[in-house]
Amino acid sequence: MPGPTEPAASAPAAVRVGIRRLHPDVAVPAYHSAGAAALDLVADEDATVAPGEVRLIGTGLVVRVPAGFFLAVVARSSLPIKKGLIVANGVGVVDSDYCGPDDEVKVEVLNTTTAPVAIARGERIAQAMVVPVPRVEWVEMDERDQAPSRGGFGATGGME
């Protein structure tokens, strides 16, 4: 078994994702360590986000994620601490069919501070992961098919 700093012996096969840069000098998303789970996305523009403002920041990229996958855009763990910015919608979802000529991947950021926050072009502002998504087929059920009730929403949290 590999130690805590050793990578696993067999990594899953790479998923091929099409990418088009809207400008020749836009950074292609990259892993920044051997064990990184996500690729860093960078801003393709200088921007200032006002206190409490939600703003879309372009990455200068159009991606074509294969069918059966989506690109999850998530926060970098250091961004809230260093800049007070969070990914406003929690997780951005880039569907496999969002890949037209003008379908730029953008990061929706929220400034949680009381001061304007500057973002510099080329700054890492989010992370992206390619995630498999099986198609769901709903199957109707009745009470006989269900487990006993656990007490409703929040029942396991111990809060009354």
N, C-alpha and C. Protein backbone atom coordinates (compact mmCIF):
# COMPACT_ATOMS: atom_id res chain seq x y z
N MET A 1 0.85 -1.18 0.00
CA MET A 1 0.00 0.00 0.00
C MET A 1 0.89 1.24 0.00
N PRO A 2 0.59 2.24 -0.84
CA PRO A 2 1.43 3.43 -0.89
C PRO A 2 1.33 4.23 0.41
N GLY A 3 2.41 4.89 0.76
CA GLY A 3 2.42 5.76 1.94
C GLY A 3 1.64 7.03 1.67
N PRO A 4 1.52 7.91 2.69
CA PRO A 4 0.69 9.11 2.55
C PRO A 4 1.15 10.09 1.48
N THR A 5 2.43 10.05 1.10
CA THR A 5 2.91 10.98 0.08
C THR A 5 3.14 10.31 -1.26
N GLU A 6 2.89 9.01 -1.33
CA GLU A 6 3.10 8.29 -2.58
C GLU A 6 1.80 8.21 -3.37
N PRO A 7 1.86 8.46 -4.68
CA PRO A 7 0.65 8.32 -5.48
C PRO A 7 0.25 6.85 -5.61
N ALA A 8 -1.01 6.59 -5.85
CA ALA A 8 -1.49 5.23 -6.07
C ALA A 8 -0.80 4.65 -7.30
N ALA A 9 -0.63 3.34 -7.31
CA ALA A 9 0.10 2.68 -8.39
C ALA A 9 -0.59 2.82 -9.73
N SER A 10 -1.90 2.69 -9.75
CA SER A 10 -2.59 2.78 -11.04
C SER A 10 -3.65 3.88 -10.99
N ALA A 11 -3.40 4.93 -11.71
CA ALA A 11 -4.34 6.05 -11.78
C ALA A 11 -5.39 5.73 -12.84
N PRO A 12 -6.60 6.28 -12.68
CA PRO A 12 -7.60 6.05 -13.73
C PRO A 12 -7.14 6.65 -15.06
N ALA A 13 -7.69 6.12 -16.12
CA ALA A 13 -7.34 6.62 -17.46
C ALA A 13 -7.76 8.08 -17.59
N ALA A 14 -6.98 8.84 -18.32
CA ALA A 14 -7.28 10.25 -18.54
C ALA A 14 -8.54 10.39 -19.39
N VAL A 15 -9.31 11.42 -19.08
CA VAL A 15 -10.50 11.75 -19.86
C VAL A 15 -10.09 12.85 -20.84
N ARG A 16 -10.35 12.65 -22.11
CA ARG A 16 -9.99 13.64 -23.12
C ARG A 16 -11.07 14.71 -23.20
N VAL A 17 -10.68 15.96 -22.96
CA VAL A 17 -11.60 17.10 -22.96
C VAL A 17 -11.11 18.09 -24.00
N GLY A 18 -12.00 18.45 -24.92
CA GLY A 18 -11.65 19.45 -25.92
C GLY A 18 -11.55 20.83 -25.28
N ILE A 19 -10.63 21.64 -25.75
CA ILE A 19 -10.45 22.98 -25.20
C ILE A 19 -10.09 23.94 -26.33
N ARG A 20 -10.67 25.14 -26.26
CA ARG A 20 -10.32 26.19 -27.22
C ARG A 20 -10.07 27.46 -26.44
N ARG A 21 -8.90 28.04 -26.68
CA ARG A 21 -8.56 29.31 -26.04
C ARG A 21 -9.12 30.45 -26.87
N LEU A 22 -9.78 31.39 -26.20
CA LEU A 22 -10.35 32.54 -26.90
C LEU A 22 -9.28 33.56 -27.26
N HIS A 23 -8.11 33.46 -26.61
CA HIS A 23 -6.94 34.29 -26.92
C HIS A 23 -5.73 33.37 -26.83
N PRO A 24 -4.71 33.58 -27.65
CA PRO A 24 -3.58 32.64 -27.67
C PRO A 24 -2.80 32.56 -26.36
N ASP A 25 -2.86 33.59 -25.53
CA ASP A 25 -2.06 33.58 -24.30
C ASP A 25 -2.85 33.15 -23.06
N VAL A 26 -4.08 32.66 -23.23
CA VAL A 26 -4.88 32.18 -22.09
C VAL A 26 -4.25 30.90 -21.56
N ALA A 27 -4.17 30.81 -20.25
CA ALA A 27 -3.58 29.62 -19.61
C ALA A 27 -4.53 28.44 -19.71
N VAL A 28 -3.98 27.30 -20.11
CA VAL A 28 -4.74 26.05 -20.11
C VAL A 28 -4.78 25.55 -18.67
N PRO A 29 -5.95 25.08 -18.19
CA PRO A 29 -6.02 24.57 -16.82
C PRO A 29 -4.95 23.51 -16.58
N ALA A 30 -4.36 23.55 -15.38
CA ALA A 30 -3.25 22.64 -15.08
C ALA A 30 -3.33 22.14 -13.65
N TYR A 31 -2.83 20.93 -13.45
CA TYR A 31 -2.64 20.40 -12.10
C TYR A 31 -1.35 21.01 -11.57
N HIS A 32 -1.32 21.37 -10.29
CA HIS A 32 -0.11 22.00 -9.75
C HIS A 32 0.63 21.13 -8.75
N SER A 33 0.23 19.85 -8.65
CA SER A 33 1.01 18.88 -7.90
C SER A 33 0.64 17.50 -8.42
N ALA A 34 1.48 16.51 -8.12
CA ALA A 34 1.24 15.15 -8.61
C ALA A 34 -0.06 14.57 -8.07
N GLY A 35 -0.47 14.96 -6.88
CA GLY A 35 -1.68 14.42 -6.29
C GLY A 35 -2.89 15.32 -6.38
N ALA A 36 -2.78 16.41 -7.13
CA ALA A 36 -3.90 17.36 -7.22
C ALA A 36 -5.13 16.69 -7.81
N ALA A 37 -6.28 16.94 -7.18
CA ALA A 37 -7.55 16.38 -7.65
C ALA A 37 -8.19 17.26 -8.70
N ALA A 38 -7.83 18.54 -8.71
CA ALA A 38 -8.48 19.49 -9.61
C ALA A 38 -7.45 20.32 -10.37
N LEU A 39 -7.90 20.86 -11.48
CA LEU A 39 -7.08 21.73 -12.32
C LEU A 39 -7.38 23.17 -11.95
N ASP A 40 -6.37 24.02 -11.93
CA ASP A 40 -6.60 25.42 -11.61
C ASP A 40 -7.10 26.18 -12.83
N LEU A 41 -8.10 27.04 -12.60
CA LEU A 41 -8.61 27.96 -13.62
C LEU A 41 -8.11 29.35 -13.29
N VAL A 42 -7.74 30.11 -14.30
CA VAL A 42 -7.24 31.46 -14.07
C VAL A 42 -8.17 32.49 -14.73
N ALA A 43 -8.12 33.70 -14.19
CA ALA A 43 -8.90 34.80 -14.74
C ALA A 43 -8.30 35.25 -16.07
N ASP A 44 -9.14 35.54 -17.03
CA ASP A 44 -8.69 36.05 -18.32
C ASP A 44 -8.92 37.56 -18.40
N GLU A 45 -9.11 38.19 -17.26
CA GLU A 45 -9.37 39.63 -17.24
C GLU A 45 -9.00 40.19 -15.88
N ASP A 46 -8.65 41.46 -15.87
CA ASP A 46 -8.54 42.19 -14.61
C ASP A 46 -9.94 42.57 -14.21
N ALA A 47 -10.25 42.45 -12.93
CA ALA A 47 -11.59 42.79 -12.47
C ALA A 47 -11.53 43.25 -11.02
N THR A 48 -12.50 44.05 -10.66
CA THR A 48 -12.69 44.44 -9.26
C THR A 48 -14.10 44.04 -8.88
N VAL A 49 -14.20 43.32 -7.77
CA VAL A 49 -15.50 42.85 -7.28
C VAL A 49 -15.85 43.68 -6.05
N ALA A 50 -16.95 44.41 -6.13
CA ALA A 50 -17.38 45.28 -5.04
C ALA A 50 -17.86 44.45 -3.85
N PRO A 51 -17.86 45.03 -2.66
CA PRO A 51 -18.36 44.30 -1.49
C PRO A 51 -19.79 43.79 -1.73
N GLY A 52 -20.01 42.52 -1.46
CA GLY A 52 -21.32 41.91 -1.62
C GLY A 52 -21.72 41.63 -3.05
N GLU A 53 -20.89 41.99 -4.01
CA GLU A 53 -21.21 41.81 -5.43
C GLU A 53 -20.94 40.38 -5.88
N VAL A 54 -21.81 39.90 -6.77
CA VAL A 54 -21.59 38.65 -7.49
C VAL A 54 -21.18 39.05 -8.90
N ARG A 55 -20.07 38.48 -9.37
CA ARG A 55 -19.55 38.86 -10.69
C ARG A 55 -19.04 37.63 -11.42
N LEU A 56 -19.28 37.60 -12.73
CA LEU A 56 -18.74 36.54 -13.57
C LEU A 56 -17.34 36.94 -14.04
N ILE A 57 -16.40 36.05 -13.85
CA ILE A 57 -15.01 36.27 -14.29
C ILE A 57 -14.71 35.26 -15.38
N GLY A 58 -14.37 35.77 -16.55
CA GLY A 58 -14.07 34.90 -17.68
C GLY A 58 -12.75 34.18 -17.52
N THR A 59 -12.69 32.96 -18.07
CA THR A 59 -11.45 32.20 -18.09
C THR A 59 -10.79 32.21 -19.46
N GLY A 60 -11.53 32.69 -20.48
CA GLY A 60 -10.99 32.69 -21.83
C GLY A 60 -10.98 31.32 -22.46
N LEU A 61 -11.78 30.38 -21.92
CA LEU A 61 -11.78 29.01 -22.40
C LEU A 61 -13.17 28.54 -22.78
N VAL A 62 -13.25 27.78 -23.86
CA VAL A 62 -14.43 27.01 -24.19
C VAL A 62 -13.99 25.56 -24.11
N VAL A 63 -14.78 24.75 -23.41
CA VAL A 63 -14.41 23.33 -23.25
C VAL A 63 -15.50 22.44 -23.83
N ARG A 64 -15.11 21.28 -24.28
CA ARG A 64 -16.06 20.26 -24.72
C ARG A 64 -15.82 19.02 -23.87
N VAL A 65 -16.65 18.90 -22.85
CA VAL A 65 -16.58 17.76 -21.95
C VAL A 65 -17.30 16.59 -22.62
N PRO A 66 -16.75 15.39 -22.56
CA PRO A 66 -17.42 14.26 -23.22
C PRO A 66 -18.81 13.99 -22.62
N ALA A 67 -19.69 13.44 -23.44
CA ALA A 67 -21.00 13.02 -22.95
C ALA A 67 -20.81 12.07 -21.77
N GLY A 68 -21.67 12.20 -20.77
CA GLY A 68 -21.56 11.37 -19.57
C GLY A 68 -20.69 11.98 -18.49
N PHE A 69 -20.19 13.21 -18.74
CA PHE A 69 -19.36 13.92 -17.77
C PHE A 69 -19.81 15.37 -17.69
N PHE A 70 -19.40 16.07 -16.63
CA PHE A 70 -19.54 17.53 -16.58
C PHE A 70 -18.28 18.10 -15.96
N LEU A 71 -18.04 19.37 -16.20
CA LEU A 71 -16.92 20.07 -15.59
C LEU A 71 -17.45 20.78 -14.36
N ALA A 72 -16.96 20.40 -13.19
CA ALA A 72 -17.35 21.05 -11.94
C ALA A 72 -16.37 22.18 -11.66
N VAL A 73 -16.89 23.39 -11.49
CA VAL A 73 -16.07 24.55 -11.15
C VAL A 73 -16.28 24.82 -9.66
N VAL A 74 -15.20 24.67 -8.89
CA VAL A 74 -15.27 24.79 -7.43
C VAL A 74 -14.24 25.80 -6.93
N ALA A 75 -14.43 26.19 -5.69
CA ALA A 75 -13.54 27.20 -5.10
C ALA A 75 -12.14 26.63 -4.86
N ARG A 76 -11.17 27.50 -4.93
CA ARG A 76 -9.83 27.18 -4.43
C ARG A 76 -9.90 27.39 -2.93
N SER A 77 -9.33 26.51 -2.16
CA SER A 77 -9.48 26.59 -0.70
C SER A 77 -8.88 27.86 -0.12
N SER A 78 -7.91 28.46 -0.77
CA SER A 78 -7.27 29.66 -0.22
C SER A 78 -7.98 30.96 -0.58
N LEU A 79 -8.86 30.94 -1.56
CA LEU A 79 -9.47 32.18 -2.03
C LEU A 79 -10.32 32.90 -0.98
N PRO A 80 -11.14 32.21 -0.19
CA PRO A 80 -11.89 32.93 0.85
C PRO A 80 -10.98 33.54 1.92
N ILE A 81 -9.93 32.84 2.29
CA ILE A 81 -9.01 33.34 3.32
C ILE A 81 -8.19 34.51 2.81
N LYS A 82 -7.60 34.34 1.62
CA LYS A 82 -6.70 35.37 1.10
C LYS A 82 -7.42 36.58 0.53
N LYS A 83 -8.60 36.37 -0.10
CA LYS A 83 -9.25 37.46 -0.81
C LYS A 83 -10.69 37.71 -0.38
N GLY A 84 -11.28 36.80 0.36
CA GLY A 84 -12.68 36.97 0.75
C GLY A 84 -13.64 36.67 -0.38
N LEU A 85 -13.19 35.90 -1.38
CA LEU A 85 -14.05 35.53 -2.50
C LEU A 85 -14.46 34.06 -2.39
N ILE A 86 -15.72 33.79 -2.71
CA ILE A 86 -16.19 32.42 -2.77
C ILE A 86 -16.87 32.21 -4.12
N VAL A 87 -16.99 30.95 -4.53
CA VAL A 87 -17.75 30.64 -5.72
C VAL A 87 -19.22 30.79 -5.34
N ALA A 88 -19.88 31.76 -5.94
CA ALA A 88 -21.21 32.19 -5.49
C ALA A 88 -22.27 31.11 -5.57
N ASN A 89 -22.22 30.26 -6.56
CA ASN A 89 -23.24 29.24 -6.72
C ASN A 89 -22.81 27.90 -6.12
N GLY A 90 -21.79 27.91 -5.28
CA GLY A 90 -21.31 26.69 -4.64
C GLY A 90 -20.47 25.85 -5.58
N VAL A 91 -21.09 25.30 -6.59
CA VAL A 91 -20.39 24.51 -7.61
C VAL A 91 -20.97 24.93 -8.96
N GLY A 92 -20.10 25.37 -9.85
CA GLY A 92 -20.53 25.65 -11.21
C GLY A 92 -20.57 24.37 -12.00
N VAL A 93 -21.60 24.20 -12.80
CA VAL A 93 -21.75 22.99 -13.61
C VAL A 93 -21.66 23.37 -15.08
N VAL A 94 -20.64 22.85 -15.76
CA VAL A 94 -20.49 23.06 -17.19
C VAL A 94 -20.88 21.75 -17.86
N ASP A 95 -22.04 21.76 -18.51
CA ASP A 95 -22.58 20.56 -19.15
C ASP A 95 -21.79 20.21 -20.41
N SER A 96 -21.92 18.96 -20.82
CA SER A 96 -21.20 18.50 -22.01
C SER A 96 -21.67 19.20 -23.28
N ASP A 97 -22.89 19.74 -23.29
CA ASP A 97 -23.36 20.43 -24.50
C ASP A 97 -23.21 21.95 -24.42
N TYR A 98 -22.51 22.43 -23.40
CA TYR A 98 -22.17 23.87 -23.33
C TYR A 98 -20.79 24.03 -23.94
N CYS A 99 -20.73 24.05 -25.26
CA CYS A 99 -19.43 24.06 -25.92
C CYS A 99 -19.45 24.79 -27.25
N GLY A 100 -20.43 25.70 -27.41
CA GLY A 100 -20.51 26.48 -28.63
C GLY A 100 -19.42 27.53 -28.69
N PRO A 101 -19.30 28.23 -29.80
CA PRO A 101 -18.22 29.19 -30.00
C PRO A 101 -18.16 30.30 -28.94
N ASP A 102 -19.31 30.67 -28.37
CA ASP A 102 -19.33 31.74 -27.37
C ASP A 102 -19.58 31.23 -25.95
N ASP A 103 -19.51 29.91 -25.74
CA ASP A 103 -19.81 29.33 -24.44
C ASP A 103 -18.56 29.30 -23.55
N GLU A 104 -18.10 30.47 -23.19
CA GLU A 104 -16.91 30.60 -22.34
C GLU A 104 -17.21 30.11 -20.93
N VAL A 105 -16.27 29.38 -20.36
CA VAL A 105 -16.37 28.99 -18.96
C VAL A 105 -16.09 30.24 -18.12
N LYS A 106 -17.03 30.55 -17.24
CA LYS A 106 -16.87 31.71 -16.36
C LYS A 106 -17.04 31.25 -14.92
N VAL A 107 -16.39 31.97 -14.02
CA VAL A 107 -16.47 31.66 -12.59
C VAL A 107 -17.31 32.75 -11.93
N GLU A 108 -18.35 32.33 -11.25
CA GLU A 108 -19.24 33.26 -10.55
C GLU A 108 -18.70 33.45 -9.13
N VAL A 109 -18.13 34.63 -8.86
CA VAL A 109 -17.54 34.89 -7.54
C VAL A 109 -18.39 35.88 -6.75
N LEU A 110 -18.34 35.72 -5.44
CA LEU A 110 -19.03 36.62 -4.50
C LEU A 110 -17.99 37.18 -3.55
N ASN A 111 -17.97 38.51 -3.42
CA ASN A 111 -17.08 39.18 -2.49
C ASN A 111 -17.77 39.23 -1.13
N THR A 112 -17.23 38.52 -0.14
CA THR A 112 -17.83 38.46 1.19
C THR A 112 -17.26 39.52 2.13
N THR A 113 -16.38 40.37 1.62
CA THR A 113 -15.74 41.38 2.48
C THR A 113 -16.47 42.72 2.38
N THR A 114 -15.96 43.68 3.13
CA THR A 114 -16.53 45.04 3.11
C THR A 114 -15.70 45.98 2.24
N ALA A 115 -14.74 45.43 1.50
CA ALA A 115 -13.88 46.25 0.63
C ALA A 115 -13.85 45.65 -0.77
N PRO A 116 -13.59 46.47 -1.79
CA PRO A 116 -13.44 45.92 -3.14
C PRO A 116 -12.27 44.94 -3.20
N VAL A 117 -12.42 43.91 -4.02
CA VAL A 117 -11.37 42.90 -4.17
C VAL A 117 -10.93 42.90 -5.63
N ALA A 118 -9.63 43.06 -5.85
CA ALA A 118 -9.06 43.07 -7.20
C ALA A 118 -8.65 41.66 -7.59
N ILE A 119 -8.95 41.33 -8.84
CA ILE A 119 -8.51 40.07 -9.44
C ILE A 119 -7.66 40.45 -10.64
N ALA A 120 -6.47 39.88 -10.71
CA ALA A 120 -5.56 40.18 -11.81
C ALA A 120 -5.67 39.11 -12.89
N ARG A 121 -5.58 39.52 -14.14
CA ARG A 121 -5.56 38.56 -15.25
C ARG A 121 -4.42 37.58 -15.00
N GLY A 122 -4.71 36.30 -15.15
CA GLY A 122 -3.71 35.26 -14.91
C GLY A 122 -3.74 34.70 -13.50
N GLU A 123 -4.53 35.30 -12.62
CA GLU A 123 -4.63 34.84 -11.23
C GLU A 123 -5.51 33.60 -11.14
N ARG A 124 -5.09 32.62 -10.34
CA ARG A 124 -5.89 31.41 -10.15
C ARG A 124 -7.11 31.76 -9.30
N ILE A 125 -8.31 31.50 -9.85
CA ILE A 125 -9.53 31.92 -9.16
C ILE A 125 -10.48 30.78 -8.82
N ALA A 126 -10.26 29.60 -9.37
CA ALA A 126 -11.13 28.46 -9.09
C ALA A 126 -10.41 27.19 -9.52
N GLN A 127 -11.06 26.07 -9.26
CA GLN A 127 -10.55 24.78 -9.68
C GLN A 127 -11.63 24.09 -10.50
N ALA A 128 -11.22 23.15 -11.32
CA ALA A 128 -12.16 22.40 -12.14
C ALA A 128 -11.84 20.91 -12.07
N MET A 129 -12.91 20.12 -12.05
CA MET A 129 -12.79 18.66 -12.07
C MET A 129 -13.76 18.11 -13.10
N VAL A 130 -13.35 17.12 -13.84
CA VAL A 130 -14.23 16.43 -14.77
C VAL A 130 -14.85 15.27 -14.00
N VAL A 131 -16.19 15.28 -13.93
CA VAL A 131 -16.91 14.35 -13.06
C VAL A 131 -17.89 13.52 -13.89
N PRO A 132 -17.90 12.19 -13.70
CA PRO A 132 -18.87 11.36 -14.42
C PRO A 132 -20.27 11.57 -13.84
N VAL A 133 -21.26 11.55 -14.72
CA VAL A 133 -22.66 11.69 -14.29
C VAL A 133 -23.52 10.65 -15.01
N PRO A 134 -23.96 9.65 -14.28
CA PRO A 134 -24.86 8.68 -14.92
C PRO A 134 -26.21 9.33 -15.18
N ARG A 135 -26.90 8.90 -16.20
CA ARG A 135 -28.25 9.36 -16.47
C ARG A 135 -29.18 8.69 -15.48
N VAL A 136 -30.17 9.41 -15.01
CA VAL A 136 -31.11 8.90 -14.03
C VAL A 136 -32.38 8.45 -14.72
N GLU A 137 -32.87 7.32 -14.31
CA GLU A 137 -34.17 6.84 -14.75
C GLU A 137 -35.02 6.70 -13.50
N TRP A 138 -36.06 7.50 -13.39
CA TRP A 138 -36.92 7.49 -12.20
C TRP A 138 -37.83 6.27 -12.23
N VAL A 139 -37.98 5.64 -11.07
CA VAL A 139 -38.85 4.49 -10.90
C VAL A 139 -39.85 4.83 -9.81
N GLU A 140 -41.12 4.90 -10.17
CA GLU A 140 -42.16 5.19 -9.18
C GLU A 140 -42.18 4.11 -8.10
N MET A 141 -42.43 4.52 -6.86
CA MET A 141 -42.53 3.57 -5.76
C MET A 141 -43.68 3.99 -4.86
N ASP A 142 -44.12 3.06 -4.02
CA ASP A 142 -45.15 3.40 -3.05
C ASP A 142 -44.60 3.13 -1.65
N GLU A 143 -45.43 3.28 -0.64
CA GLU A 143 -44.97 3.14 0.75
C GLU A 143 -44.30 1.80 1.02
N ARG A 144 -44.74 0.75 0.35
CA ARG A 144 -44.17 -0.58 0.60
C ARG A 144 -42.71 -0.66 0.16
N ASP A 145 -42.31 0.21 -0.77
CA ASP A 145 -40.94 0.20 -1.30
C ASP A 145 -39.98 1.04 -0.47
N GLN A 146 -40.50 1.77 0.52
CA GLN A 146 -39.68 2.73 1.25
C GLN A 146 -39.22 2.18 2.59
N ALA A 147 -38.08 2.71 3.05
CA ALA A 147 -37.58 2.40 4.39
C ALA A 147 -38.40 3.20 5.40
N PRO A 148 -38.33 2.84 6.68
CA PRO A 148 -39.06 3.61 7.70
C PRO A 148 -38.55 5.05 7.74
N SER A 149 -39.43 5.97 8.13
CA SER A 149 -39.06 7.38 8.23
C SER A 149 -38.00 7.58 9.30
N ARG A 150 -37.09 8.49 9.03
CA ARG A 150 -36.03 8.82 9.99
C ARG A 150 -36.39 10.04 10.81
N GLY A 151 -37.58 10.60 10.62
CA GLY A 151 -37.99 11.74 11.43
C GLY A 151 -38.03 13.04 10.68
N GLY A 152 -37.78 13.06 9.39
CA GLY A 152 -37.87 14.29 8.62
C GLY A 152 -36.56 15.04 8.52
N PHE A 153 -36.63 16.18 7.86
CA PHE A 153 -35.47 17.02 7.58
C PHE A 153 -34.76 17.41 8.87
N GLY A 154 -33.44 17.17 8.95
CA GLY A 154 -32.64 17.57 10.11
C GLY A 154 -32.72 16.62 11.29
N ALA A 155 -33.40 15.48 11.13
CA ALA A 155 -33.62 14.58 12.25
C ALA A 155 -32.33 14.00 12.84
N THR A 156 -31.29 13.83 12.03
CA THR A 156 -30.06 13.24 12.56
C THR A 156 -29.11 14.27 13.13
N GLY A 157 -29.44 15.56 13.02
CA GLY A 157 -28.54 16.61 13.47
C GLY A 157 -28.61 16.90 14.96
N GLY A 158 -29.57 16.32 15.68
CA GLY A 158 -29.69 16.56 17.11
C GLY A 158 -30.19 17.93 17.48
N MET A 159 -30.69 18.69 16.51
CA MET A 159 -31.19 20.05 16.79
C MET A 159 -32.70 19.98 16.89
N GLU A 160 -33.25 20.69 17.82
CA GLU A 160 -34.70 20.70 17.98
C GLU A 160 -35.26 22.07 17.74
